[in-house]
PDB file of N, CA and C in Angstrom:
ATOM      1  N   UNK A   1      62.387  -0.016 -44.140  1.00  0.00           N
ATOM      2  CA  UNK A   1      61.129   0.671 -44.376  1.00  0.00           C
ATOM      3  C   UNK A   1      60.207   0.416 -43.175  1.00  0.00           C
ATOM      4  N   UNK A   2      59.519   1.437 -42.725  1.00  0.00           N
ATOM      5  CA  UNK A   2      58.618   1.322 -41.579  1.00  0.00           C
ATOM      6  C   UNK A   2      57.357   0.547 -41.960  1.00  0.00           C
ATOM      7  N   UNK A   3      56.771  -0.176 -41.006  1.00  0.00           N
ATOM      8  CA  UNK A   3      55.552  -0.947 -41.307  1.00  0.00           C
ATOM      9  C   UNK A   3      54.410  -0.100 -41.855  1.00  0.00           C
ATOM     10  N   UNK A   4      54.239   1.112 -41.331  1.00  0.00           N
ATOM     11  CA  UNK A   4      53.176   1.982 -41.818  1.00  0.00           C
ATOM     12  C   UNK A   4      53.406   2.369 -43.276  1.00  0.00           C
ATOM     13  N   UNK A   5      54.653   2.627 -43.635  1.00  0.00           N
ATOM     14  CA  UNK A   5      54.987   2.947 -45.028  1.00  0.00           C
ATOM     15  C   UNK A   5      54.709   1.760 -45.938  1.00  0.00           C
ATOM     16  N   UNK A   6      55.020   0.572 -45.465  1.00  0.00           N
ATOM     17  CA  UNK A   6      54.757  -0.639 -46.249  1.00  0.00           C
ATOM     18  C   UNK A   6      53.256  -0.806 -46.475  1.00  0.00           C
ATOM     19  N   UNK A   7      52.459  -0.604 -45.403  1.00  0.00           N
ATOM     20  CA  UNK A   7      51.001  -0.727 -45.541  1.00  0.00           C
ATOM     21  C   UNK A   7      50.452   0.284 -46.535  1.00  0.00           C
ATOM     22  N   UNK A   8      50.900   1.532 -46.439  1.00  0.00           N
ATOM     23  CA  UNK A   8      50.429   2.566 -47.370  1.00  0.00           C
ATOM     24  C   UNK A   8      50.811   2.229 -48.806  1.00  0.00           C
ATOM     25  N   UNK A   9      52.026   1.754 -49.003  1.00  0.00           N
ATOM     26  CA  UNK A   9      52.486   1.383 -50.339  1.00  0.00           C
ATOM     27  C   UNK A   9      51.636   0.247 -50.907  1.00  0.00           C
ATOM     28  N   UNK A  10      51.410  -0.778 -50.098  1.00  0.00           N
ATOM     29  CA  UNK A  10      50.614  -1.912 -50.566  1.00  0.00           C
ATOM     30  C   UNK A  10      49.173  -1.516 -50.848  1.00  0.00           C
ATOM     31  N   UNK A  11      48.582  -0.684 -49.988  1.00  0.00           N
ATOM     32  CA  UNK A  11      47.202  -0.252 -50.210  1.00  0.00           C
ATOM     33  C   UNK A  11      47.076   0.623 -51.454  1.00  0.00           C
ATOM     34  N   UNK A  12      48.096   1.411 -51.758  1.00  0.00           N
ATOM     35  CA  UNK A  12      48.026   2.244 -52.958  1.00  0.00           C
ATOM     36  C   UNK A  12      48.254   1.426 -54.225  1.00  0.00           C
ATOM     37  N   UNK A  13      49.010   0.349 -54.105  1.00  0.00           N
ATOM     38  CA  UNK A  13      49.323  -0.483 -55.265  1.00  0.00           C
ATOM     39  C   UNK A  13      48.252  -1.547 -55.517  1.00  0.00           C
ATOM     40  N   UNK A  14      47.756  -2.153 -54.447  1.00  0.00           N
ATOM     41  CA  UNK A  14      46.785  -3.239 -54.558  1.00  0.00           C
ATOM     42  C   UNK A  14      45.548  -2.882 -53.742  1.00  0.00           C
ATOM     43  N   UNK A  15      44.442  -2.743 -54.399  1.00  0.00           N
ATOM     44  CA  UNK A  15      43.198  -2.444 -53.711  1.00  0.00           C
ATOM     45  C   UNK A  15      42.542  -3.749 -53.260  1.00  0.00           C
ATOM     46  N   UNK A  16      42.343  -3.934 -51.955  1.00  0.00           N
ATOM     47  CA  UNK A  16      41.770  -5.196 -51.475  1.00  0.00           C
ATOM     48  C   UNK A  16      40.294  -5.314 -51.826  1.00  0.00           C
ATOM     49  N   UNK A  17      39.832  -6.547 -52.005  1.00  0.00           N
ATOM     50  CA  UNK A  17      38.415  -6.793 -52.258  1.00  0.00           C
ATOM     51  C   UNK A  17      37.584  -6.543 -51.000  1.00  0.00           C
ATOM     52  N   UNK A  18      38.160  -6.893 -49.864  1.00  0.00           N
ATOM     53  CA  UNK A  18      37.450  -6.702 -48.599  1.00  0.00           C
ATOM     54  C   UNK A  18      38.467  -6.473 -47.493  1.00  0.00           C
ATOM     55  N   UNK A  19      38.110  -5.601 -46.574  1.00  0.00           N
ATOM     56  CA  UNK A  19      38.937  -5.350 -45.404  1.00  0.00           C
ATOM     57  C   UNK A  19      38.056  -5.536 -44.182  1.00  0.00           C
ATOM     58  N   UNK A  20      38.475  -6.403 -43.293  1.00  0.00           N
ATOM     59  CA  UNK A  20      37.728  -6.657 -42.062  1.00  0.00           C
ATOM     60  C   UNK A  20      38.611  -6.255 -40.895  1.00  0.00           C
ATOM     61  N   UNK A  21      38.083  -5.365 -40.067  1.00  0.00           N
ATOM     62  CA  UNK A  21      38.799  -4.925 -38.877  1.00  0.00           C
ATOM     63  C   UNK A  21      38.038  -5.449 -37.666  1.00  0.00           C
ATOM     64  N   UNK A  22      38.722  -6.278 -36.882  1.00  0.00           N
ATOM     65  CA  UNK A  22      38.126  -6.778 -35.645  1.00  0.00           C
ATOM     66  C   UNK A  22      38.514  -5.824 -34.529  1.00  0.00           C
ATOM     67  N   UNK A  23      37.522  -5.267 -33.885  1.00  0.00           N
ATOM     68  CA  UNK A  23      37.766  -4.269 -32.859  1.00  0.00           C
ATOM     69  C   UNK A  23      37.064  -4.700 -31.581  1.00  0.00           C
ATOM     70  N   UNK A  24      37.577  -4.262 -30.461  1.00  0.00           N
ATOM     71  CA  UNK A  24      36.956  -4.547 -29.173  1.00  0.00           C
ATOM     72  C   UNK A  24      37.255  -3.401 -28.228  1.00  0.00           C
ATOM     73  N   UNK A  25      36.561  -3.352 -27.137  1.00  0.00           N
ATOM     74  CA  UNK A  25      36.763  -2.282 -26.169  1.00  0.00           C
ATOM     75  C   UNK A  25      38.054  -2.499 -25.383  1.00  0.00           C
ATOM     76  N   UNK A  26      38.535  -1.432 -24.776  1.00  0.00           N
ATOM     77  CA  UNK A  26      39.746  -1.531 -23.957  1.00  0.00           C
ATOM     78  C   UNK A  26      39.534  -2.488 -22.786  1.00  0.00           C
ATOM     79  N   UNK A  27      38.342  -2.468 -22.188  1.00  0.00           N
ATOM     80  CA  UNK A  27      38.053  -3.370 -21.066  1.00  0.00           C
ATOM     81  C   UNK A  27      38.115  -4.835 -21.485  1.00  0.00           C
ATOM     82  N   UNK A  28      37.567  -5.136 -22.665  1.00  0.00           N
ATOM     83  CA  UNK A  28      37.613  -6.516 -23.160  1.00  0.00           C
ATOM     84  C   UNK A  28      39.049  -6.944 -23.439  1.00  0.00           C
ATOM     85  N   UNK A  29      39.862  -6.028 -23.951  1.00  0.00           N
ATOM     86  CA  UNK A  29      41.270  -6.351 -24.192  1.00  0.00           C
ATOM     87  C   UNK A  29      41.996  -6.655 -22.886  1.00  0.00           C
ATOM     88  N   UNK A  30      41.766  -5.819 -21.882  1.00  0.00           N
ATOM     89  CA  UNK A  30      42.404  -6.061 -20.580  1.00  0.00           C
ATOM     90  C   UNK A  30      42.012  -7.434 -20.030  1.00  0.00           C
ATOM     91  N   UNK A  31      40.734  -7.780 -20.174  1.00  0.00           N
ATOM     92  CA  UNK A  31      40.253  -9.071 -19.679  1.00  0.00           C
ATOM     93  C   UNK A  31      40.920 -10.215 -20.440  1.00  0.00           C
ATOM     94  N   UNK A  32      41.000 -10.109 -21.763  1.00  0.00           N
ATOM     95  CA  UNK A  32      41.635 -11.153 -22.575  1.00  0.00           C
ATOM     96  C   UNK A  32      43.111 -11.285 -22.234  1.00  0.00           C
ATOM     97  N   UNK A  33      43.801 -10.148 -22.115  1.00  0.00           N
ATOM     98  CA  UNK A  33      45.222 -10.184 -21.804  1.00  0.00           C
ATOM     99  C   UNK A  33      45.453 -10.797 -20.429  1.00  0.00           C
ATOM    100  N   UNK A  34      44.581 -10.455 -19.464  1.00  0.00           N
ATOM    101  CA  UNK A  34      44.717 -10.992 -18.112  1.00  0.00           C
ATOM    102  C   UNK A  34      44.503 -12.493 -18.065  1.00  0.00           C
ATOM    103  N   UNK A  35      43.517 -12.976 -18.802  1.00  0.00           N
ATOM    104  CA  UNK A  35      43.224 -14.410 -18.789  1.00  0.00           C
ATOM    105  C   UNK A  35      44.310 -15.219 -19.488  1.00  0.00           C
ATOM    106  N   UNK A  36      45.037 -14.588 -20.386  1.00  0.00           N
ATOM    107  CA  UNK A  36      46.105 -15.290 -21.113  1.00  0.00           C
ATOM    108  C   UNK A  36      47.464 -15.122 -20.452  1.00  0.00           C
ATOM    109  N   UNK A  37      47.510 -14.344 -19.370  1.00  0.00           N
ATOM    110  CA  UNK A  37      48.760 -14.202 -18.632  1.00  0.00           C
ATOM    111  C   UNK A  37      49.766 -13.266 -19.260  1.00  0.00           C
ATOM    112  N   UNK A  38      49.299 -12.350 -20.127  1.00  0.00           N
ATOM    113  CA  UNK A  38      50.212 -11.387 -20.726  1.00  0.00           C
ATOM    114  C   UNK A  38      50.646 -10.378 -19.673  1.00  0.00           C
ATOM    115  N   UNK A  39      51.754  -9.751 -19.919  1.00  0.00           N
ATOM    116  CA  UNK A  39      52.280  -8.750 -18.993  1.00  0.00           C
ATOM    117  C   UNK A  39      51.499  -7.449 -19.070  1.00  0.00           C
ATOM    118  N   UNK A  40      52.199  -6.364 -18.931  1.00  0.00           N
ATOM    119  CA  UNK A  40      51.603  -5.037 -18.941  1.00  0.00           C
ATOM    120  C   UNK A  40      50.901  -4.784 -20.277  1.00  0.00           C
ATOM    121  N   UNK A  41      49.591  -4.506 -20.261  1.00  0.00           N
ATOM    122  CA  UNK A  41      48.889  -4.260 -21.516  1.00  0.00           C
ATOM    123  C   UNK A  41      49.381  -2.978 -22.185  1.00  0.00           C
ATOM    124  N   UNK A  42      49.471  -3.025 -23.477  1.00  0.00           N
ATOM    125  CA  UNK A  42      49.962  -1.899 -24.263  1.00  0.00           C
ATOM    126  C   UNK A  42      48.798  -1.160 -24.922  1.00  0.00           C
ATOM    127  N   UNK A  43      47.922  -0.581 -24.099  1.00  0.00           N
ATOM    128  CA  UNK A  43      46.735   0.070 -24.639  1.00  0.00           C
ATOM    129  C   UNK A  43      47.074   1.254 -25.537  1.00  0.00           C
ATOM    130  N   UNK A  44      48.122   1.959 -25.210  1.00  0.00           N
ATOM    131  CA  UNK A  44      48.508   3.112 -26.033  1.00  0.00           C
ATOM    132  C   UNK A  44      48.837   2.654 -27.456  1.00  0.00           C
ATOM    133  N   UNK A  45      49.559   1.542 -27.556  1.00  0.00           N
ATOM    134  CA  UNK A  45      49.923   0.989 -28.861  1.00  0.00           C
ATOM    135  C   UNK A  45      48.679   0.532 -29.621  1.00  0.00           C
ATOM    136  N   UNK A  46      47.755  -0.130 -28.927  1.00  0.00           N
ATOM    137  CA  UNK A  46      46.531  -0.614 -29.572  1.00  0.00           C
ATOM    138  C   UNK A  46      45.676   0.560 -30.039  1.00  0.00           C
ATOM    139  N   UNK A  47      45.567   1.584 -29.220  1.00  0.00           N
ATOM    140  CA  UNK A  47      44.785   2.768 -29.613  1.00  0.00           C
ATOM    141  C   UNK A  47      45.395   3.444 -30.840  1.00  0.00           C
ATOM    142  N   UNK A  48      46.710   3.495 -30.906  1.00  0.00           N
ATOM    143  CA  UNK A  48      47.385   4.069 -32.072  1.00  0.00           C
ATOM    144  C   UNK A  48      47.098   3.232 -33.321  1.00  0.00           C
ATOM    145  N   UNK A  49      47.134   1.904 -33.173  1.00  0.00           N
ATOM    146  CA  UNK A  49      46.813   1.020 -34.303  1.00  0.00           C
ATOM    147  C   UNK A  49      45.396   1.286 -34.797  1.00  0.00           C
ATOM    148  N   UNK A  50      44.447   1.395 -33.877  1.00  0.00           N
ATOM    149  CA  UNK A  50      43.052   1.663 -34.262  1.00  0.00           C
ATOM    150  C   UNK A  50      42.958   2.956 -35.063  1.00  0.00           C
ATOM    151  N   UNK A  51      43.583   4.005 -34.549  1.00  0.00           N
ATOM    152  CA  UNK A  51      43.505   5.303 -35.198  1.00  0.00           C
ATOM    153  C   UNK A  51      44.089   5.243 -36.613  1.00  0.00           C
ATOM    154  N   UNK A  52      45.240   4.609 -36.750  1.00  0.00           N
ATOM    155  CA  UNK A  52      45.895   4.530 -38.060  1.00  0.00           C
ATOM    156  C   UNK A  52      45.076   3.676 -39.020  1.00  0.00           C
ATOM    157  N   UNK A  53      44.642   2.511 -38.581  1.00  0.00           N
ATOM    158  CA  UNK A  53      43.868   1.633 -39.465  1.00  0.00           C
ATOM    159  C   UNK A  53      42.558   2.273 -39.900  1.00  0.00           C
ATOM    160  N   UNK A  54      41.867   2.895 -38.960  1.00  0.00           N
ATOM    161  CA  UNK A  54      40.578   3.509 -39.300  1.00  0.00           C
ATOM    162  C   UNK A  54      40.768   4.650 -40.303  1.00  0.00           C
ATOM    163  N   UNK A  55      41.891   5.349 -40.238  1.00  0.00           N
ATOM    164  CA  UNK A  55      42.122   6.452 -41.174  1.00  0.00           C
ATOM    165  C   UNK A  55      42.558   5.957 -42.555  1.00  0.00           C
ATOM    166  N   UNK A  56      43.112   4.754 -42.625  1.00  0.00           N
ATOM    167  CA  UNK A  56      43.618   4.227 -43.903  1.00  0.00           C
ATOM    168  C   UNK A  56      42.555   3.471 -44.688  1.00  0.00           C
ATOM    169  N   UNK A  57      41.590   2.912 -44.009  1.00  0.00           N
ATOM    170  CA  UNK A  57      40.610   2.047 -44.662  1.00  0.00           C
ATOM    171  C   UNK A  57      39.339   2.836 -44.959  1.00  0.00           C
ATOM    172  N   UNK A  58      38.979   2.904 -46.247  1.00  0.00           N
ATOM    173  CA  UNK A  58      37.769   3.629 -46.634  1.00  0.00           C
ATOM    174  C   UNK A  58      36.541   2.729 -46.629  1.00  0.00           C
ATOM    175  N   UNK A  59      36.622   1.619 -47.324  1.00  0.00           N
ATOM    176  CA  UNK A  59      35.490   0.697 -47.420  1.00  0.00           C
ATOM    177  C   UNK A  59      35.814  -0.581 -46.670  1.00  0.00           C
ATOM    178  N   UNK A  60      35.657  -0.552 -45.383  1.00  0.00           N
ATOM    179  CA  UNK A  60      35.961  -1.730 -44.583  1.00  0.00           C
ATOM    180  C   UNK A  60      34.783  -2.119 -43.722  1.00  0.00           C
ATOM    181  N   UNK A  61      34.835  -3.323 -43.244  1.00  0.00           N
ATOM    182  CA  UNK A  61      33.832  -3.821 -42.314  1.00  0.00           C
ATOM    183  C   UNK A  61      34.481  -3.822 -40.941  1.00  0.00           C
ATOM    184  N   UNK A  62      33.891  -3.095 -40.019  1.00  0.00           N
ATOM    185  CA  UNK A  62      34.406  -3.052 -38.660  1.00  0.00           C
ATOM    186  C   UNK A  62      33.465  -3.872 -37.787  1.00  0.00           C
ATOM    187  N   UNK A  63      34.024  -4.876 -37.133  1.00  0.00           N
ATOM    188  CA  UNK A  63      33.223  -5.788 -36.316  1.00  0.00           C
ATOM    189  C   UNK A  63      33.667  -5.670 -34.864  1.00  0.00           C
ATOM    190  N   UNK A  64      32.710  -5.386 -33.998  1.00  0.00           N
ATOM    191  CA  UNK A  64      32.983  -5.330 -32.569  1.00  0.00           C
ATOM    192  C   UNK A  64      32.928  -6.759 -32.032  1.00  0.00           C
ATOM    193  N   UNK A  65      34.026  -7.228 -31.463  1.00  0.00           N
ATOM    194  CA  UNK A  65      34.116  -8.613 -31.012  1.00  0.00           C
ATOM    195  C   UNK A  65      33.893  -8.783 -29.513  1.00  0.00           C
ATOM    196  N   UNK A  66      33.407  -7.745 -28.835  1.00  0.00           N
ATOM    197  CA  UNK A  66      33.142  -7.863 -27.391  1.00  0.00           C
ATOM    198  C   UNK A  66      32.213  -9.037 -27.115  1.00  0.00           C
ATOM    199  N   UNK A  67      32.676  -9.970 -26.310  1.00  0.00           N
ATOM    200  CA  UNK A  67      31.845 -11.086 -25.869  1.00  0.00           C
ATOM    201  C   UNK A  67      31.590 -12.160 -26.908  1.00  0.00           C
ATOM    202  N   UNK A  68      32.220 -12.096 -28.058  1.00  0.00           N
ATOM    203  CA  UNK A  68      31.999 -13.111 -29.090  1.00  0.00           C
ATOM    204  C   UNK A  68      33.048 -14.209 -28.997  1.00  0.00           C
ATOM    205  N   UNK A  69      32.618 -15.426 -29.250  1.00  0.00           N
ATOM    206  CA  UNK A  69      33.571 -16.530 -29.342  1.00  0.00           C
ATOM    207  C   UNK A  69      34.228 -16.488 -30.720  1.00  0.00           C
ATOM    208  N   UNK A  70      35.255 -17.275 -30.900  1.00  0.00           N
ATOM    209  CA  UNK A  70      35.934 -17.329 -32.199  1.00  0.00           C
ATOM    210  C   UNK A  70      34.965 -17.810 -33.271  1.00  0.00           C
ATOM    211  N   UNK A  71      34.158 -18.800 -32.948  1.00  0.00           N
ATOM    212  CA  UNK A  71      33.180 -19.329 -33.916  1.00  0.00           C
ATOM    213  C   UNK A  71      32.192 -18.239 -34.313  1.00  0.00           C
ATOM    214  N   UNK A  72      31.707 -17.480 -33.335  1.00  0.00           N
ATOM    215  CA  UNK A  72      30.774 -16.394 -33.633  1.00  0.00           C
ATOM    216  C   UNK A  72      31.438 -15.308 -34.483  1.00  0.00           C
ATOM    217  N   UNK A  73      32.701 -15.019 -34.197  1.00  0.00           N
ATOM    218  CA  UNK A  73      33.429 -14.022 -34.987  1.00  0.00           C
ATOM    219  C   UNK A  73      33.543 -14.466 -36.441  1.00  0.00           C
ATOM    220  N   UNK A  74      33.906 -15.730 -36.655  1.00  0.00           N
ATOM    221  CA  UNK A  74      34.052 -16.242 -38.027  1.00  0.00           C
ATOM    222  C   UNK A  74      32.710 -16.200 -38.747  1.00  0.00           C
ATOM    223  N   UNK A  75      31.654 -16.594 -38.077  1.00  0.00           N
ATOM    224  CA  UNK A  75      30.321 -16.548 -38.698  1.00  0.00           C
ATOM    225  C   UNK A  75      29.933 -15.127 -39.074  1.00  0.00           C
ATOM    226  N   UNK A  76      30.210 -14.185 -38.189  1.00  0.00           N
ATOM    227  CA  UNK A  76      29.878 -12.787 -38.451  1.00  0.00           C
ATOM    228  C   UNK A  76      30.696 -12.234 -39.615  1.00  0.00           C
ATOM    229  N   UNK A  77      31.986 -12.571 -39.661  1.00  0.00           N
ATOM    230  CA  UNK A  77      32.832 -12.129 -40.777  1.00  0.00           C
ATOM    231  C   UNK A  77      32.305 -12.687 -42.089  1.00  0.00           C
ATOM    232  N   UNK A  78      32.014 -13.970 -42.102  1.00  0.00           N
ATOM    233  CA  UNK A  78      31.515 -14.597 -43.330  1.00  0.00           C
ATOM    234  C   UNK A  78      30.197 -13.958 -43.769  1.00  0.00           C
ATOM    235  N   UNK A  79      29.305 -13.702 -42.831  1.00  0.00           N
ATOM    236  CA  UNK A  79      28.026 -13.096 -43.181  1.00  0.00           C
ATOM    237  C   UNK A  79      28.214 -11.689 -43.737  1.00  0.00           C
ATOM    238  N   UNK A  80      29.121 -10.920 -43.131  1.00  0.00           N
ATOM    239  CA  UNK A  80      29.361  -9.549 -43.602  1.00  0.00           C
ATOM    240  C   UNK A  80      30.031  -9.531 -44.978  1.00  0.00           C
ATOM    241  N   UNK A  81      31.090 -10.316 -45.126  1.00  0.00           N
ATOM    242  CA  UNK A  81      31.865 -10.286 -46.374  1.00  0.00           C
ATOM    243  C   UNK A  81      31.090 -10.938 -47.509  1.00  0.00           C
ATOM    244  N   UNK A  82      30.594 -12.140 -47.290  1.00  0.00           N
ATOM    245  CA  UNK A  82      29.870 -12.827 -48.363  1.00  0.00           C
ATOM    246  C   UNK A  82      28.527 -12.161 -48.614  1.00  0.00           C
ATOM    247  N   UNK A  83      27.860 -11.748 -47.552  1.00  0.00           N
ATOM    248  CA  UNK A  83      26.572 -11.075 -47.708  1.00  0.00           C
ATOM    249  C   UNK A  83      26.709  -9.785 -48.491  1.00  0.00           C
ATOM    250  N   UNK A  84      27.718  -8.969 -48.184  1.00  0.00           N
ATOM    251  CA  UNK A  84      27.947  -7.725 -48.897  1.00  0.00           C
ATOM    252  C   UNK A  84      28.353  -7.993 -50.343  1.00  0.00           C
ATOM    253  N   UNK A  85      29.169  -9.034 -50.542  1.00  0.00           N
ATOM    254  CA  UNK A  85      29.645  -9.365 -51.901  1.00  0.00           C
ATOM    255  C   UNK A  85      28.487  -9.853 -52.770  1.00  0.00           C
ATOM    256  N   UNK A  86      27.616 -10.685 -52.213  1.00  0.00           N
ATOM    257  CA  UNK A  86      26.508 -11.241 -52.984  1.00  0.00           C
ATOM    258  C   UNK A  86      25.508 -10.156 -53.353  1.00  0.00           C
ATOM    259  N   UNK A  87      25.273  -9.214 -52.428  1.00  0.00           N
ATOM    260  CA  UNK A  87      24.267  -8.182 -52.700  1.00  0.00           C
ATOM    261  C   UNK A  87      24.771  -7.110 -53.653  1.00  0.00           C
ATOM    262  N   UNK A  88      26.080  -7.066 -53.925  1.00  0.00           N
ATOM    263  CA  UNK A  88      26.634  -6.033 -54.839  1.00  0.00           C
ATOM    264  C   UNK A  88      26.350  -6.353 -56.280  1.00  0.00           C
TER     265      UNK A  88
END
């Protein structure tokens, strides 16, 4: 079974309480990949993932991670998810 089919099946069977999508610009990805010593960046693959995920997720939190540290990302996720959950 293809991964996309598995994701669609799981999303139709189990509705998640929260979906968080961490997104960043292509330039930030190139910089991260370069600093980590990865080979040829697969931007086409990443762009396809973005398109598919954005079309599958209706009620999700999309967080732009450009220039954020891991600690800042975790804080932002917690504020978005817990903040949205508490206010509901």
